C-alpha atoms as a PDB file:
ATOM      1  CA  UNK A   1      -8.769  22.273 -12.405  1.00  0.00           C
ATOM      2  CA  UNK A   2      -5.034  22.270 -13.021  1.00  0.00           C
ATOM      3  CA  UNK A   3      -4.907  26.002 -13.716  1.00  0.00           C
ATOM      4  CA  UNK A   4      -5.731  26.959 -10.149  1.00  0.00           C
ATOM      5  CA  UNK A   5      -3.534  24.221  -8.678  1.00  0.00           C
ATOM      6  CA  UNK A   6      -6.291  21.992  -7.352  1.00  0.00           C
ATOM      7  CA  UNK A   7      -4.886  18.973  -9.216  1.00  0.00           C
ATOM      8  CA  UNK A   8      -1.359  19.354  -7.900  1.00  0.00           C
ATOM      9  CA  UNK A   9       0.102  16.301  -6.255  1.00  0.00           C
ATOM     10  CA  UNK A  10      -1.503  13.793  -8.588  1.00  0.00           C
ATOM     11  CA  UNK A  11       0.657  11.230 -10.305  1.00  0.00           C
ATOM     12  CA  UNK A  12       0.629  10.848 -14.081  1.00  0.00           C
ATOM     13  CA  UNK A  13      -1.435   7.635 -13.896  1.00  0.00           C
ATOM     14  CA  UNK A  14      -3.976   9.414 -11.692  1.00  0.00           C
ATOM     15  CA  UNK A  15      -4.207  12.222 -14.234  1.00  0.00           C
ATOM     16  CA  UNK A  16      -4.619   9.680 -17.059  1.00  0.00           C
ATOM     17  CA  UNK A  17      -7.330   7.870 -15.109  1.00  0.00           C
ATOM     18  CA  UNK A  18      -9.194  11.134 -14.568  1.00  0.00           C
ATOM     19  CA  UNK A  19      -8.773  12.079 -18.240  1.00  0.00           C
ATOM     20  CA  UNK A  20     -10.045   8.687 -19.392  1.00  0.00           C
ATOM     21  CA  UNK A  21     -13.006   8.988 -17.067  1.00  0.00           C
ATOM     22  CA  UNK A  22     -14.120  12.419 -18.255  1.00  0.00           C
ATOM     23  CA  UNK A  23     -13.259  11.954 -21.935  1.00  0.00           C
ATOM     24  CA  UNK A  24     -16.112   9.568 -22.684  1.00  0.00           C
ATOM     25  CA  UNK A  25     -19.000  11.597 -24.066  1.00  0.00           C
ATOM     26  CA  UNK A  26     -22.699  10.898 -24.211  1.00  0.00           C
ATOM     27  CA  UNK A  27     -24.026  11.550 -27.737  1.00  0.00           C
ATOM     28  CA  UNK A  28     -27.593  10.467 -26.990  1.00  0.00           C
ATOM     29  CA  UNK A  29     -29.030  13.988 -27.079  1.00  0.00           C
ATOM     30  CA  UNK A  30     -27.249  14.779 -30.345  1.00  0.00           C
ATOM     31  CA  UNK A  31     -28.414  11.545 -31.953  1.00  0.00           C
ATOM     32  CA  UNK A  32     -31.996  12.114 -30.760  1.00  0.00           C
ATOM     33  CA  UNK A  33     -31.920  15.609 -32.244  1.00  0.00           C
ATOM     34  CA  UNK A  34     -30.557  14.196 -35.494  1.00  0.00           C
ATOM     35  CA  UNK A  35     -33.404  11.667 -35.584  1.00  0.00           C
ATOM     36  CA  UNK A  36     -36.005  14.395 -34.961  1.00  0.00           C
ATOM     37  CA  UNK A  37     -34.517  16.623 -37.658  1.00  0.00           C
ATOM     38  CA  UNK A  38     -34.167  13.667 -40.010  1.00  0.00           C
ATOM     39  CA  UNK A  39     -30.598  14.496 -40.941  1.00  0.00           C
ATOM     40  CA  UNK A  40     -28.858  12.411 -43.544  1.00  0.00           C
ATOM     41  CA  UNK A  41     -28.123   8.906 -42.255  1.00  0.00           C
ATOM     42  CA  UNK A  42     -24.477   9.327 -43.222  1.00  0.00           C
ATOM     43  CA  UNK A  43     -24.060  12.209 -40.742  1.00  0.00           C
ATOM     44  CA  UNK A  44     -25.902  10.251 -38.041  1.00  0.00           C
ATOM     45  CA  UNK A  45     -23.584   7.272 -38.464  1.00  0.00           C
ATOM     46  CA  UNK A  46     -20.462   9.438 -38.551  1.00  0.00           C
ATOM     47  CA  UNK A  47     -21.351  11.017 -35.194  1.00  0.00           C
ATOM     48  CA  UNK A  48     -22.338   7.645 -33.750  1.00  0.00           C
ATOM     49  CA  UNK A  49     -19.098   5.998 -34.936  1.00  0.00           C
ATOM     50  CA  UNK A  50     -16.953   8.846 -33.601  1.00  0.00           C
ATOM     51  CA  UNK A  51     -18.709   8.554 -30.256  1.00  0.00           C
ATOM     52  CA  UNK A  52     -18.073   4.822 -30.079  1.00  0.00           C
ATOM     53  CA  UNK A  53     -14.380   5.384 -30.822  1.00  0.00           C
ATOM     54  CA  UNK A  54     -14.131   8.106 -28.152  1.00  0.00           C
ATOM     55  CA  UNK A  55     -15.737   5.827 -25.585  1.00  0.00           C
ATOM     56  CA  UNK A  56     -13.431   2.947 -26.507  1.00  0.00           C
ATOM     57  CA  UNK A  57     -10.296   5.097 -26.237  1.00  0.00           C
ATOM     58  CA  UNK A  58     -11.488   6.536 -22.920  1.00  0.00           C
ATOM     59  CA  UNK A  59     -12.155   3.049 -21.565  1.00  0.00           C
ATOM     60  CA  UNK A  60      -8.740   1.729 -22.623  1.00  0.00           C
ATOM     61  CA  UNK A  61      -7.003   4.790 -21.169  1.00  0.00           C
ATOM     62  CA  UNK A  62      -8.922   4.480 -17.895  1.00  0.00           C
ATOM     63  CA  UNK A  63      -8.293   0.740 -17.527  1.00  0.00           C
ATOM     64  CA  UNK A  64      -4.575   0.968 -18.304  1.00  0.00           C
ATOM     65  CA  UNK A  65      -4.013   3.961 -16.048  1.00  0.00           C
ATOM     66  CA  UNK A  66      -5.897   2.203 -13.251  1.00  0.00           C
ATOM     67  CA  UNK A  67      -3.617  -0.806 -13.636  1.00  0.00           C
ATOM     68  CA  UNK A  68      -0.602   1.469 -13.170  1.00  0.00           C
ATOM     69  CA  UNK A  69      -2.131   2.938 -10.014  1.00  0.00           C
ATOM     70  CA  UNK A  70      -2.692  -0.421  -8.346  1.00  0.00           C
ATOM     71  CA  UNK A  71       0.830  -1.648  -9.241  1.00  0.00           C
ATOM     72  CA  UNK A  72       2.986  -0.785  -6.209  1.00  0.00           C
ATOM     73  CA  UNK A  73       6.201  -0.903  -8.285  1.00  0.00           C
ATOM     74  CA  UNK A  74       5.068   1.770 -10.735  1.00  0.00           C
ATOM     75  CA  UNK A  75       6.392   5.285 -10.124  1.00  0.00           C
ATOM     76  CA  UNK A  76       6.632   8.513 -12.087  1.00  0.00           C
ATOM     77  CA  UNK A  77      10.331   7.765 -12.576  1.00  0.00           C
ATOM     78  CA  UNK A  78       9.498   4.497 -14.346  1.00  0.00           C
ATOM     79  CA  UNK A  79       7.087   6.400 -16.582  1.00  0.00           C
ATOM     80  CA  UNK A  80       9.694   8.978 -17.588  1.00  0.00           C
ATOM     81  CA  UNK A  81      12.343   6.415 -18.556  1.00  0.00           C
END
C-alpha cells in the first residue's frame, strides 16, 4: 500500500495500529493440516506457540497505538523526540 502512495498522510500511530491489526495471523488451517498429517507433536506446539506470541504482540501493538491516536496531545513530533 505504501509503495504506490495510498498510505501517505497517515501518522506513525495510525501506521502502527494498521500493522498491529494485520500482523495477527490465523494458524487454524496449518494446525488442522498438521493434525491430519499427524506431524510430531513438538512441531505442532512450536507453530501453535509462535502463533500465540504473534497474536499477543499484535494485540499489544494495536492497543498501544490506538491509545496514542485517541490522545489529543500526542503528535509525530513527540514520537520523534
